[in-house]
């Protein structure tokens, strides 16, 4: 008989007795940037998933729904593609239980990990299981076991910072000694056959020469981008996939972008120098990835490879870019005072209703106005500045938008005050009592039916274990009971949510009414007023505006609850 992997066997605790509820379950696996996809002996991601699946297989109350994998993602931040998808599914109710091999796979930031484990997950009712730590938040009490979890999170965070410190120190030493080898070569270069130095890739170097030539001739960035696209020049990401230096999905590889072109035009590697330390990141210091602007901090090794661009031409382009930047700054400084009076109150809150992208905030002087007056407006960023995405023009003036928003808030205030008076009369009425009794009766009935099905499932398993049912009979009956249980659980969740929303709407502490009361005296729009009341602004074609107010769900529930009570009276 083949031996089971020690790693798997050691992490397979025996499941406790199955509870009554069936949990739609997800597995989350993560591999950090340091060892992503580089282990030749062990497929670490596969091993994590295998351990979790083995655990779930021994827990009849866990029903595996999906597996989420972030390969090459650090655990010190939680903005990871698959983790975000997982949280979306959790919030939608698709996932009720999350299983990870160990806490460090979930995250290494002990503060944020603790926030999820101690606040977010309990609030939304998510079951969380970390196999290695034998941790199950549905079984945790005030014992030493539960108290160890925050300590484990802190250890994970310290471990991550220690790794970051060692890696950062080692890389800096390699850079200073000249032994550091770049993973990604600049566009226009490739590795030689020995993979020891970079040599010119003539297929793409021709485009690099043209970029510098065109810039020296006075071409604008958009003009250069359009010409590169017209010529069919492969962009940096596409070239990496063509040469096999980068694999995997996730790249549309469409054309050229200004940020890529700017990076090439300012990269000193093209004159034959190896320049290290142009960007920096240090988790252990809390420093995120950023460009190092001070050239004195760069580590430069001159004439290490063949140049594509002469030093004279490279410096000409730098002078052109610097002159354009200084001219832009001078122009901006002249109008600082007037532009400061036009404030974007909707920063991060205003988007295009069609493409969903942010709206740009522009300030502009009124043409031919002798008094030098200015105005501001919002414009869809996709229609203005995205080369490979298209959207129609969405536009609204700042003054018009602010007037409309203030009017909408004032209308909400009037409605809230009217509904508050009506709720005072309806609270404690016969109609409210009837609805609460109906809600409680339904929840009690569903709980009884749920318990009944649960007992039948338990007896079914006992009959199977005693040999009264064969495997086929057991599987057929179990499927029927499981479907009934899942349906009743769903209906029970919905009933509990309806009761909770009704209670919140009828409460004297109704959040929507309380908010509207707090801003009832506002006569002009301000940043504080926008932050307190506005969730999102969507701008449609023709300047039509759609507002999403804060607590809009409670507002709708309040109207619905009032109607229900009035009908029940």
Protein backbone atom coordinates (compact mmCIF):
# COMPACT_ATOMS: atom_id res chain seq x y z
CA UNK A 1 0.00 0.00 0.00
CA UNK A 2 1.40 3.42 -0.97
CA UNK A 3 2.47 5.62 1.92
CA UNK A 4 0.56 8.85 2.49
CA UNK A 5 2.53 12.10 2.37
CA UNK A 6 3.66 13.12 5.85
CA UNK A 7 2.73 16.71 5.12
CA UNK A 8 -0.83 15.70 4.37
CA UNK A 9 -1.20 13.15 7.11
CA UNK A 10 0.15 15.47 9.79
CA UNK A 11 -2.40 18.11 8.96
CA UNK A 12 -5.52 15.94 9.00
CA UNK A 13 -7.17 16.22 12.41
CA UNK A 14 -10.28 14.15 12.90
CA UNK A 15 -13.49 16.11 12.42
CA UNK A 16 -15.71 16.66 15.38
CA UNK A 17 -19.24 15.25 15.40
CA UNK A 18 -21.19 16.75 12.52
CA UNK A 19 -23.50 19.65 13.42
CA UNK A 20 -26.94 20.01 11.95
CA UNK A 21 -26.16 22.64 9.32
CA UNK A 22 -24.57 21.97 5.92
CA UNK A 23 -22.00 24.65 5.03
CA UNK A 24 -21.23 25.57 1.39
CA UNK A 25 -17.44 25.58 1.72
CA UNK A 26 -14.48 27.23 -0.01
CA UNK A 27 -10.79 26.40 0.06
CA UNK A 28 -8.33 29.28 -0.04
CA UNK A 29 -4.68 28.65 -0.97
CA UNK A 30 -1.88 31.17 -1.36
CA UNK A 31 1.77 31.12 -2.33
CA UNK A 32 3.97 34.13 -1.65
CA UNK A 33 6.01 36.06 -4.18
CA UNK A 34 9.32 34.69 -2.84
CA UNK A 35 8.69 31.06 -3.86
CA UNK A 36 5.86 31.36 -6.38
CA UNK A 37 6.05 28.54 -8.86
CA UNK A 38 9.76 27.96 -8.23
CA UNK A 39 9.69 24.75 -6.19
CA UNK A 40 10.80 21.80 -8.31
CA UNK A 41 10.23 19.12 -5.67
CA UNK A 42 6.85 20.01 -4.27
CA UNK A 43 3.84 21.67 -5.83
CA UNK A 44 3.05 23.75 -2.74
CA UNK A 45 -0.30 25.07 -3.97
CA UNK A 46 -1.51 21.57 -4.91
CA UNK A 47 -0.39 20.28 -1.52
CA UNK A 48 -2.35 22.99 0.31
CA UNK A 49 -5.50 22.17 -1.65
CA UNK A 50 -5.02 18.42 -1.14
CA UNK A 51 -4.75 18.87 2.63
CA UNK A 52 -7.92 21.00 2.71
CA UNK A 53 -9.86 18.58 0.49
CA UNK A 54 -8.78 15.67 2.67
CA UNK A 55 -10.05 17.51 5.74
CA UNK A 56 -13.36 18.42 4.10
CA UNK A 57 -13.87 14.84 2.92
CA UNK A 58 -13.91 13.79 6.58
CA UNK A 59 -16.49 16.40 7.52
CA UNK A 60 -19.94 15.50 6.14
CA UNK A 61 -21.31 18.91 7.07
CA UNK A 62 -18.84 20.70 4.75
CA UNK A 63 -19.87 20.88 1.08
CA UNK A 64 -16.97 22.03 -1.15
CA UNK A 65 -18.22 24.67 -3.60
CA UNK A 66 -15.10 26.36 -4.98
CA UNK A 67 -11.32 26.70 -4.65
CA UNK A 68 -9.61 30.10 -4.66
CA UNK A 69 -5.87 30.35 -5.38
CA UNK A 70 -3.60 33.41 -5.22
CA UNK A 71 -0.26 32.27 -6.63
CA UNK A 72 2.59 34.72 -6.16
CA UNK A 73 0.73 37.06 -3.79
CA UNK A 74 2.17 38.36 -0.55
CA UNK A 75 0.28 37.66 2.66
CA UNK A 76 0.98 41.10 4.09
CA UNK A 77 -1.75 42.74 2.01
CA UNK A 78 -5.31 41.55 1.40
CA UNK A 79 -5.87 43.13 -2.00
CA UNK A 80 -5.43 39.88 -3.96
CA UNK A 81 -7.54 38.92 -7.03
CA UNK A 82 -8.80 35.55 -5.82
CA UNK A 83 -9.22 36.73 -2.23
CA UNK A 84 -11.39 39.58 -3.51
CA UNK A 85 -13.47 37.09 -5.52
CA UNK A 86 -13.77 34.92 -2.43
CA UNK A 87 -15.01 37.83 -0.30
CA UNK A 88 -17.57 38.73 -2.98
CA UNK A 89 -18.92 35.16 -2.88
CA UNK A 90 -18.95 35.17 0.93
CA UNK A 91 -20.90 38.43 1.05
CA UNK A 92 -23.39 37.11 -1.52
CA UNK A 93 -24.04 34.06 0.66
CA UNK A 94 -22.56 31.58 -1.82
CA UNK A 95 -19.87 30.59 0.72
CA UNK A 96 -20.68 29.88 4.38
CA UNK A 97 -17.41 28.24 5.45
CA UNK A 98 -13.77 28.92 4.59
CA UNK A 99 -11.00 26.33 5.03
CA UNK A 100 -7.27 27.11 4.85
CA UNK A 101 -4.28 24.91 5.51
CA UNK A 102 -2.94 27.35 8.12
CA UNK A 103 -3.41 30.94 9.20
CA UNK A 104 -0.32 32.20 7.36
CA UNK A 105 -1.94 31.18 4.03
CA UNK A 106 -4.89 33.44 4.87
CA UNK A 107 -2.70 36.41 5.77
CA UNK A 108 0.45 37.57 7.53
CA UNK A 109 -0.72 41.02 8.64
CA UNK A 110 -1.77 40.18 12.19
CA UNK A 111 -3.94 43.29 12.64
CA UNK A 112 -5.99 42.79 9.47
CA UNK A 113 -6.10 39.01 9.91
CA UNK A 114 -7.39 39.55 13.44
CA UNK A 115 -10.01 41.98 12.12
CA UNK A 116 -11.35 39.32 9.75
CA UNK A 117 -11.30 36.55 12.36
CA UNK A 118 -12.61 38.51 15.34
CA UNK A 119 -14.99 41.04 13.74
CA UNK A 120 -15.86 40.58 10.07
CA UNK A 121 -16.39 36.81 9.93
CA UNK A 122 -18.43 36.60 13.17
CA UNK A 123 -20.64 39.49 11.99
CA UNK A 124 -21.50 37.81 8.68
CA UNK A 125 -21.74 34.34 10.24
CA UNK A 126 -18.88 32.77 8.26
CA UNK A 127 -17.32 29.61 9.62
CA UNK A 128 -13.50 29.76 9.44
CA UNK A 129 -11.26 26.72 9.79
CA UNK A 130 -7.44 26.71 9.91
CA UNK A 131 -6.39 23.06 9.80
CA UNK A 132 -2.82 23.27 11.08
CA UNK A 133 -3.80 25.32 14.14
CA UNK A 134 -6.87 23.10 14.80
CA UNK A 135 -8.87 26.34 14.79
CA UNK A 136 -12.61 26.47 14.10
CA UNK A 137 -14.29 29.75 15.04
CA UNK A 138 -17.61 27.94 15.61
CA UNK A 139 -15.97 25.85 18.34
CA UNK A 140 -13.78 28.54 19.88
CA UNK A 141 -14.47 29.86 23.37
CA UNK A 142 -12.41 31.84 25.86
CA UNK A 143 -9.96 28.98 26.33
CA UNK A 144 -6.22 29.16 25.82
CA UNK A 145 -6.74 27.75 22.31
CA UNK A 146 -8.69 30.79 21.18
CA UNK A 147 -6.25 33.15 22.87
CA UNK A 148 -3.38 31.63 20.88
CA UNK A 149 -4.80 32.75 17.53
CA UNK A 150 -3.88 36.48 17.85
CA UNK A 151 -0.41 35.39 18.96
CA UNK A 152 -0.10 33.10 15.92
CA UNK A 153 -1.15 35.99 13.66
CA UNK A 154 1.54 38.19 15.19
CA UNK A 155 4.17 35.47 14.68
CA UNK A 156 3.15 35.18 11.01
CA UNK A 157 3.51 38.95 10.56
CA UNK A 158 6.95 38.98 12.24
CA UNK A 159 8.06 36.05 10.09
CA UNK A 160 7.01 37.88 6.93
CA UNK A 161 8.90 41.02 7.98
CA UNK A 162 11.99 38.96 8.85
CA UNK A 163 11.93 37.33 5.39
CA UNK A 164 11.51 40.77 3.81
CA UNK A 165 14.49 42.12 5.75
CA UNK A 166 16.72 39.21 4.73
CA UNK A 167 15.66 39.39 1.06
CA UNK A 168 16.07 43.19 0.92
CA UNK A 169 19.52 43.02 2.54
CA UNK A 170 20.68 40.22 0.25
CA UNK A 171 19.43 41.98 -2.89
CA UNK A 172 21.10 45.24 -1.91
CA UNK A 173 24.40 43.44 -1.28
CA UNK A 174 24.13 41.74 -4.69
CA UNK A 175 23.46 45.09 -6.35
CA UNK A 176 26.45 46.78 -4.68
CA UNK A 177 28.75 43.85 -5.57
CA UNK A 178 27.51 43.75 -9.16
CA UNK A 179 26.30 40.14 -8.89
CA UNK A 180 22.58 40.89 -9.05
CA UNK A 181 20.93 39.62 -12.22
CA UNK A 182 17.74 41.28 -13.42
CA UNK A 183 14.76 38.99 -13.94
CA UNK A 184 13.04 41.17 -16.54
CA UNK A 185 15.21 42.73 -19.19
CA UNK A 186 14.37 46.15 -20.67
CA UNK A 187 12.36 46.13 -23.89
CA UNK A 188 14.81 45.85 -26.80
CA UNK A 189 17.14 43.39 -25.08
CA UNK A 190 17.33 39.61 -24.65
CA UNK A 191 19.62 37.17 -22.83
CA UNK A 192 22.67 35.79 -24.62
CA UNK A 193 22.94 32.03 -25.10
CA UNK A 194 24.79 31.57 -21.77
CA UNK A 195 22.16 33.66 -20.00
CA UNK A 196 24.94 35.74 -18.46
CA UNK A 197 24.39 39.14 -20.07
CA UNK A 198 21.90 41.12 -22.08
CA UNK A 199 22.32 41.60 -25.80
CA UNK A 200 20.33 43.68 -28.27
CA UNK A 201 17.09 42.15 -29.56
CA UNK A 202 17.01 43.72 -33.02
CA UNK A 203 13.37 42.81 -33.56
CA UNK A 204 12.30 45.27 -30.86
CA UNK A 205 15.36 47.53 -30.56
CA UNK A 206 14.32 49.16 -33.84
CA UNK A 207 11.18 50.48 -32.13
CA UNK A 208 13.19 51.81 -29.17
CA UNK A 209 15.40 53.81 -31.56
CA UNK A 210 12.31 55.21 -33.28
CA UNK A 211 10.74 56.26 -29.96
CA UNK A 212 13.80 58.35 -29.06
CA UNK A 213 14.13 59.73 -32.61
CA UNK A 214 10.47 60.79 -32.73
CA UNK A 215 10.68 62.44 -29.31
CA UNK A 216 13.76 64.41 -30.37
CA UNK A 217 11.88 65.51 -33.52
CA UNK A 218 9.12 66.93 -31.30
CA UNK A 219 6.48 64.21 -31.47
CA UNK A 220 3.99 64.11 -28.62
CA UNK A 221 3.43 60.98 -26.53
CA UNK A 222 -0.01 60.26 -28.15
CA UNK A 223 1.50 60.63 -31.63
CA UNK A 224 4.24 58.09 -30.82
CA UNK A 225 1.75 55.66 -29.31
CA UNK A 226 -0.50 55.83 -32.37
CA UNK A 227 2.42 55.23 -34.72
CA UNK A 228 3.65 52.22 -32.71
CA UNK A 229 0.18 50.71 -32.88
CA UNK A 230 -0.06 51.42 -36.60
CA UNK A 231 3.28 49.68 -37.19
CA UNK A 232 2.20 46.66 -35.16
CA UNK A 233 5.08 46.96 -32.70
CA UNK A 234 4.66 44.30 -29.97
CA UNK A 235 4.32 45.94 -26.57
CA UNK A 236 6.43 44.91 -23.58
CA UNK A 237 3.99 42.33 -22.20
CA UNK A 238 3.32 40.73 -25.57
CA UNK A 239 7.07 40.48 -26.27
CA UNK A 240 7.68 38.69 -22.95
CA UNK A 241 5.09 36.09 -23.90
CA UNK A 242 6.50 35.77 -27.41
CA UNK A 243 9.96 35.00 -26.02
CA UNK A 244 8.66 32.79 -23.20
CA UNK A 245 10.05 34.94 -20.39
CA UNK A 246 6.56 35.38 -19.00
CA UNK A 247 3.76 32.83 -19.01
CA UNK A 248 0.18 32.63 -17.86
CA UNK A 249 -3.04 34.47 -18.50
CA UNK A 250 -4.21 37.86 -17.31
CA UNK A 251 -2.73 40.03 -20.07
CA UNK A 252 -4.83 41.49 -22.86
CA UNK A 253 -1.52 42.53 -24.54
CA UNK A 254 -3.29 45.35 -26.35
CA UNK A 255 -1.12 48.08 -27.87
CA UNK A 256 0.91 50.73 -26.12
CA UNK A 257 0.24 52.97 -23.12
CA UNK A 258 1.80 56.28 -22.16
CA UNK A 259 3.22 54.95 -18.88
CA UNK A 260 5.12 52.21 -20.74
CA UNK A 261 6.49 54.66 -23.30
CA UNK A 262 7.55 57.11 -20.58
CA UNK A 263 9.33 54.28 -18.74
CA UNK A 264 11.36 53.44 -21.87
CA UNK A 265 12.22 57.06 -22.67
CA UNK A 266 13.61 57.60 -19.14
CA UNK A 267 15.41 54.25 -18.71
CA UNK A 268 19.24 54.71 -18.59
CA UNK A 269 19.77 51.04 -19.47
CA UNK A 270 19.48 52.03 -23.13
CA UNK A 271 22.85 53.87 -23.05
CA UNK A 272 24.65 50.68 -21.95
CA UNK A 273 24.62 51.18 -18.16
CA UNK A 274 23.18 48.77 -15.61
CA UNK A 275 21.21 50.85 -13.10
CA UNK A 276 19.89 49.16 -9.97
CA UNK A 277 17.82 50.53 -7.11
CA UNK A 278 15.53 52.69 -9.28
CA UNK A 279 12.58 51.25 -7.37
CA UNK A 280 12.36 50.15 -3.75
CA UNK A 281 10.14 48.02 -1.57
CA UNK A 282 10.68 46.85 2.01
CA UNK A 283 7.83 45.12 3.84
CA UNK A 284 9.80 44.99 7.09
CA UNK A 285 10.02 48.80 7.06
CA UNK A 286 6.43 49.25 5.91
CA UNK A 287 7.66 50.75 2.61
CA UNK A 288 5.54 49.99 -0.45
CA UNK A 289 6.97 49.70 -3.95
CA UNK A 290 7.89 53.13 -5.32
CA UNK A 291 10.33 54.79 -7.73
CA UNK A 292 13.48 56.29 -6.20
CA UNK A 293 13.64 59.79 -7.71
CA UNK A 294 16.98 60.76 -6.19
CA UNK A 295 19.53 59.53 -8.74
CA UNK A 296 22.28 59.68 -6.12
CA UNK A 297 20.64 56.66 -4.48
CA UNK A 298 20.83 54.56 -7.65
CA UNK A 299 23.55 51.95 -8.04
CA UNK A 300 25.12 52.44 -11.48
CA UNK A 301 27.51 50.14 -13.36
CA UNK A 302 28.56 51.93 -16.59
CA UNK A 303 29.10 50.26 -19.96
CA UNK A 304 27.97 46.76 -18.96
CA UNK A 305 26.24 45.98 -22.25
CA UNK A 306 25.80 47.29 -25.77
CA UNK A 307 23.89 50.56 -26.02
CA UNK A 308 20.81 51.02 -28.18
CA UNK A 309 20.69 54.81 -27.74
CA UNK A 310 23.65 57.19 -27.69
CA UNK A 311 24.24 59.13 -24.49
CA UNK A 312 23.79 62.37 -26.43
CA UNK A 313 20.35 61.39 -27.76
CA UNK A 314 19.28 60.00 -24.38
CA UNK A 315 20.17 63.30 -22.69
CA UNK A 316 18.30 65.27 -25.37
CA UNK A 317 15.12 63.32 -24.55
CA UNK A 318 15.61 63.85 -20.81
CA UNK A 319 16.01 67.59 -21.40
CA UNK A 320 12.82 67.65 -23.52
CA UNK A 321 10.84 65.79 -20.82
CA UNK A 322 12.26 67.98 -18.04
CA UNK A 323 11.47 71.18 -19.95
CA UNK A 324 7.90 70.06 -20.58
CA UNK A 325 7.48 69.20 -16.89
CA UNK A 326 8.83 72.57 -15.75
CA UNK A 327 6.60 74.44 -18.22
CA UNK A 328 3.59 72.52 -16.94
CA UNK A 329 4.48 73.29 -13.31
CA UNK A 330 4.99 77.00 -14.10
CA UNK A 331 1.63 77.18 -15.81
CA UNK A 332 -0.06 75.43 -12.89
CA UNK A 333 1.55 77.76 -10.34
CA UNK A 334 0.12 80.83 -12.11
CA UNK A 335 -3.41 79.57 -11.62
CA UNK A 336 -3.01 77.91 -8.20
CA UNK A 337 -5.24 80.36 -6.34
CA UNK A 338 -8.17 80.30 -8.77
CA UNK A 339 -8.04 76.50 -9.16
CA UNK A 340 -7.99 76.09 -5.38
CA UNK A 341 -11.47 77.64 -5.27
CA UNK A 342 -12.84 74.85 -7.49
CA UNK A 343 -12.85 71.83 -5.18
CA UNK A 344 -13.85 68.32 -6.22
CA UNK A 345 -16.32 67.32 -3.49
CA UNK A 346 -16.97 63.93 -5.12
CA UNK A 347 -13.44 62.52 -5.22
CA UNK A 348 -13.72 58.72 -5.40
CA UNK A 349 -17.52 58.89 -5.48
CA UNK A 350 -18.36 59.80 -9.09
CA UNK A 351 -18.30 57.33 -12.02
CA UNK A 352 -19.60 56.91 -15.54
CA UNK A 353 -22.99 55.17 -15.47
CA UNK A 354 -22.16 53.08 -18.58
CA UNK A 355 -18.51 51.95 -18.30
CA UNK A 356 -18.21 52.30 -14.52
CA UNK A 357 -14.86 54.10 -14.69
CA UNK A 358 -14.11 57.25 -12.74
CA UNK A 359 -15.02 60.70 -14.00
CA UNK A 360 -12.12 63.11 -14.47
CA UNK A 361 -12.40 66.48 -12.71
CA UNK A 362 -11.26 69.34 -14.97
CA UNK A 363 -10.85 73.04 -14.24
CA UNK A 364 -11.04 75.40 -17.22
CA UNK A 365 -11.00 79.13 -17.82
CA UNK A 366 -14.10 80.56 -19.51
CA UNK A 367 -13.04 81.52 -23.02
CA UNK A 368 -12.79 85.26 -23.70
CA UNK A 369 -13.79 86.12 -20.13
CA UNK A 370 -11.92 89.32 -19.31
CA UNK A 371 -12.40 88.81 -15.58
CA UNK A 372 -10.54 85.52 -15.77
CA UNK A 373 -13.37 83.40 -14.45
CA UNK A 374 -13.09 79.62 -14.35
CA UNK A 375 -15.49 76.68 -14.14
CA UNK A 376 -15.11 72.95 -13.45
CA UNK A 377 -16.67 69.88 -15.01
CA UNK A 378 -16.62 66.07 -14.88
CA UNK A 379 -15.85 63.90 -17.92
CA UNK A 380 -15.75 60.13 -18.45
CA UNK A 381 -12.13 58.97 -18.23
CA UNK A 382 -12.71 56.11 -20.68
CA UNK A 383 -13.99 58.37 -23.46
CA UNK A 384 -11.12 60.81 -22.89
CA UNK A 385 -7.99 58.88 -22.04
CA UNK A 386 -8.28 55.11 -22.49
CA UNK A 387 -6.74 53.93 -25.72
CA UNK A 388 -8.29 50.48 -26.00
CA UNK A 389 -11.59 50.94 -24.18
CA UNK A 390 -14.40 53.01 -25.62
CA UNK A 391 -17.30 54.90 -24.11
CA UNK A 392 -19.50 57.74 -25.25
CA UNK A 393 -19.12 61.22 -23.85
CA UNK A 394 -20.51 61.63 -20.32
CA UNK A 395 -20.28 65.18 -19.02
CA UNK A 396 -21.67 67.33 -16.24
CA UNK A 397 -20.72 70.73 -14.89
CA UNK A 398 -19.65 71.00 -11.28
CA UNK A 399 -22.06 73.80 -10.37
CA UNK A 400 -25.04 71.98 -11.92
CA UNK A 401 -24.14 68.71 -10.21
CA UNK A 402 -23.71 70.32 -6.79
CA UNK A 403 -27.06 72.12 -7.07
CA UNK A 404 -28.82 68.86 -8.03
CA UNK A 405 -27.18 66.91 -5.20
CA UNK A 406 -28.10 69.53 -2.59
CA UNK A 407 -31.70 69.53 -3.85
CA UNK A 408 -31.83 65.71 -3.67
CA UNK A 409 -30.54 65.73 -0.09
CA UNK A 410 -33.12 68.33 0.91
CA UNK A 411 -35.90 66.22 -0.62
CA UNK A 412 -34.65 63.21 1.35
CA UNK A 413 -34.68 65.28 4.52
CA UNK A 414 -38.32 66.29 3.93
CA UNK A 415 -39.30 62.66 3.27
CA UNK A 416 -37.43 61.45 6.36
CA UNK A 417 -39.17 63.93 8.63
CA UNK A 418 -42.58 62.92 7.24
CA UNK A 419 -41.85 59.20 7.59
CA UNK A 420 -40.55 59.75 11.13
CA UNK A 421 -43.91 61.20 12.16
CA UNK A 422 -45.75 58.32 10.47
CA UNK A 423 -43.55 55.70 12.15
CA UNK A 424 -44.31 57.23 15.55
CA UNK A 425 -47.98 56.42 14.94
CA UNK A 426 -47.37 52.94 13.54
CA UNK A 427 -44.95 51.66 16.19
CA UNK A 428 -46.80 49.41 18.63
CA UNK A 429 -49.87 49.32 16.41
CA UNK A 430 -51.93 46.21 15.78
CA UNK A 431 -50.55 46.10 12.25
CA UNK A 432 -46.92 46.04 13.43
CA UNK A 433 -47.75 43.37 16.03
CA UNK A 434 -49.42 41.19 13.39
CA UNK A 435 -46.39 41.36 11.11
CA UNK A 436 -43.95 40.55 13.94
CA UNK A 437 -46.11 37.59 15.00
CA UNK A 438 -46.20 36.30 11.42
CA UNK A 439 -42.42 36.64 11.07
CA UNK A 440 -41.75 34.86 14.37
CA UNK A 441 -44.22 32.10 13.55
CA UNK A 442 -42.58 31.48 10.17
CA UNK A 443 -39.08 31.32 11.68
CA UNK A 444 -40.26 28.94 14.42
CA UNK A 445 -41.96 26.72 11.82
CA UNK A 446 -38.86 26.62 9.60
CA UNK A 447 -36.64 25.81 12.58
CA UNK A 448 -38.89 22.91 13.57
CA UNK A 449 -38.95 21.54 10.02
CA UNK A 450 -35.19 21.98 9.75
CA UNK A 451 -34.63 20.06 12.98
CA UNK A 452 -36.99 17.36 11.73
CA UNK A 453 -35.04 16.87 8.52
CA UNK A 454 -31.80 16.89 10.48
CA UNK A 455 -33.02 14.10 12.74
CA UNK A 456 -34.12 12.08 9.70
CA UNK A 457 -30.65 12.47 8.21
CA UNK A 458 -29.08 11.30 11.46
CA UNK A 459 -31.37 8.23 11.63
CA UNK A 460 -30.66 7.58 7.96
CA UNK A 461 -26.93 7.39 8.63
CA UNK A 462 -27.51 5.11 11.61
CA UNK A 463 -29.62 2.78 9.44
CA UNK A 464 -26.84 2.73 6.86
CA UNK A 465 -24.18 2.07 9.49
CA UNK A 466 -26.26 -0.83 10.90
CA UNK A 467 -26.71 -2.33 7.47
CA UNK A 468 -30.44 -1.67 7.20
CA UNK A 469 -29.81 0.35 4.01
CA UNK A 470 -27.37 -0.41 1.23
CA UNK A 471 -25.15 2.30 -0.24
CA UNK A 472 -27.44 3.08 -3.17
CA UNK A 473 -30.53 3.45 -0.95
CA UNK A 474 -28.57 5.57 1.50
CA UNK A 475 -27.21 7.87 -1.25
CA UNK A 476 -30.67 8.35 -2.81
CA UNK A 477 -32.37 9.19 0.50
CA UNK A 478 -29.46 11.37 1.66
CA UNK A 479 -29.63 13.45 -1.53
CA UNK A 480 -33.35 14.09 -0.95
CA UNK A 481 -32.81 15.09 2.69
CA UNK A 482 -29.82 17.28 1.79
CA UNK A 483 -31.90 19.14 -0.79
CA UNK A 484 -34.72 19.65 1.72
CA UNK A 485 -32.24 20.83 4.34
CA UNK A 486 -30.57 23.28 1.95
CA UNK A 487 -33.93 24.69 0.83
CA UNK A 488 -35.18 25.11 4.41
CA UNK A 489 -31.87 26.69 5.46
CA UNK A 490 -32.13 29.21 2.63
CA UNK A 491 -35.73 30.06 3.50
CA UNK A 492 -34.82 30.38 7.17
CA UNK A 493 -31.95 32.76 6.38
CA UNK A 494 -34.28 34.87 4.23
CA UNK A 495 -36.95 34.94 6.95
CA UNK A 496 -34.44 35.98 9.62
CA UNK A 497 -33.10 38.72 7.34
CA UNK A 498 -36.62 40.02 6.62
CA UNK A 499 -37.37 40.16 10.33
CA UNK A 500 -34.10 41.95 11.04
CA UNK A 501 -34.65 44.51 8.26
CA UNK A 502 -38.24 45.13 9.40
CA UNK A 503 -37.07 45.70 12.97
CA UNK A 504 -34.35 48.08 11.78
CA UNK A 505 -36.80 50.08 9.66
CA UNK A 506 -39.39 50.38 12.44
CA UNK A 507 -36.78 51.19 15.10
CA UNK A 508 -36.61 54.63 16.73
CA UNK A 509 -32.92 54.44 15.77
CA UNK A 510 -33.65 54.10 12.05
CA UNK A 511 -30.23 54.97 10.54
CA UNK A 512 -31.58 56.66 7.42
CA UNK A 513 -33.95 58.92 9.37
CA UNK A 514 -31.25 59.69 11.96
CA UNK A 515 -28.83 60.68 9.19
CA UNK A 516 -31.35 62.93 7.45
CA UNK A 517 -32.21 64.62 10.74
CA UNK A 518 -28.53 65.33 11.38
CA UNK A 519 -28.20 67.24 8.08
CA UNK A 520 -31.64 68.84 8.05
CA UNK A 521 -30.27 72.37 8.59
CA UNK A 522 -27.75 72.26 5.71
CA UNK A 523 -28.27 75.08 3.21
CA UNK A 524 -25.21 74.55 1.01
CA UNK A 525 -23.14 71.62 -0.16
CA UNK A 526 -19.89 70.93 1.67
CA UNK A 527 -17.31 68.14 1.80
CA UNK A 528 -18.65 66.96 5.15
CA UNK A 529 -22.23 66.88 3.85
CA UNK A 530 -21.21 64.87 0.77
CA UNK A 531 -19.15 62.42 2.85
CA UNK A 532 -22.02 61.89 5.29
CA UNK A 533 -24.83 61.40 2.77
CA UNK A 534 -23.51 60.32 -0.65
CA UNK A 535 -22.34 56.80 -1.46
CA UNK A 536 -21.94 57.14 -5.23
CA UNK A 537 -22.78 59.44 -8.16
CA UNK A 538 -23.40 57.93 -11.61
CA UNK A 539 -23.37 60.26 -14.61
CA UNK A 540 -25.42 59.22 -17.64
CA UNK A 541 -25.32 60.53 -21.19
CA UNK A 542 -26.98 63.89 -21.53
CA UNK A 543 -25.72 64.94 -18.06
CA UNK A 544 -28.45 63.02 -16.23
CA UNK A 545 -27.25 62.12 -12.73
CA UNK A 546 -28.15 59.14 -10.54
CA UNK A 547 -27.43 59.37 -6.81
CA UNK A 548 -26.83 56.46 -4.45
CA UNK A 549 -27.45 57.83 -0.98
CA UNK A 550 -26.06 56.27 2.16
CA UNK A 551 -28.54 53.95 3.90
CA UNK A 552 -30.56 53.83 0.69
CA UNK A 553 -31.38 50.18 1.48
CA UNK A 554 -32.86 51.21 4.83
CA UNK A 555 -34.79 54.00 3.08
CA UNK A 556 -36.38 51.47 0.72
CA UNK A 557 -37.02 49.04 3.58
CA UNK A 558 -38.64 51.82 5.60
CA UNK A 559 -41.14 52.57 2.82
CA UNK A 560 -41.84 48.84 2.36
CA UNK A 561 -42.31 48.27 6.10
CA UNK A 562 -44.70 51.22 6.44
CA UNK A 563 -46.80 49.87 3.57
CA UNK A 564 -46.86 46.38 5.12
CA UNK A 565 -47.97 47.72 8.51
CA UNK A 566 -50.68 49.88 6.98
CA UNK A 567 -52.02 46.92 4.99
CA UNK A 568 -51.98 44.71 8.10
CA UNK A 569 -54.00 47.17 10.21
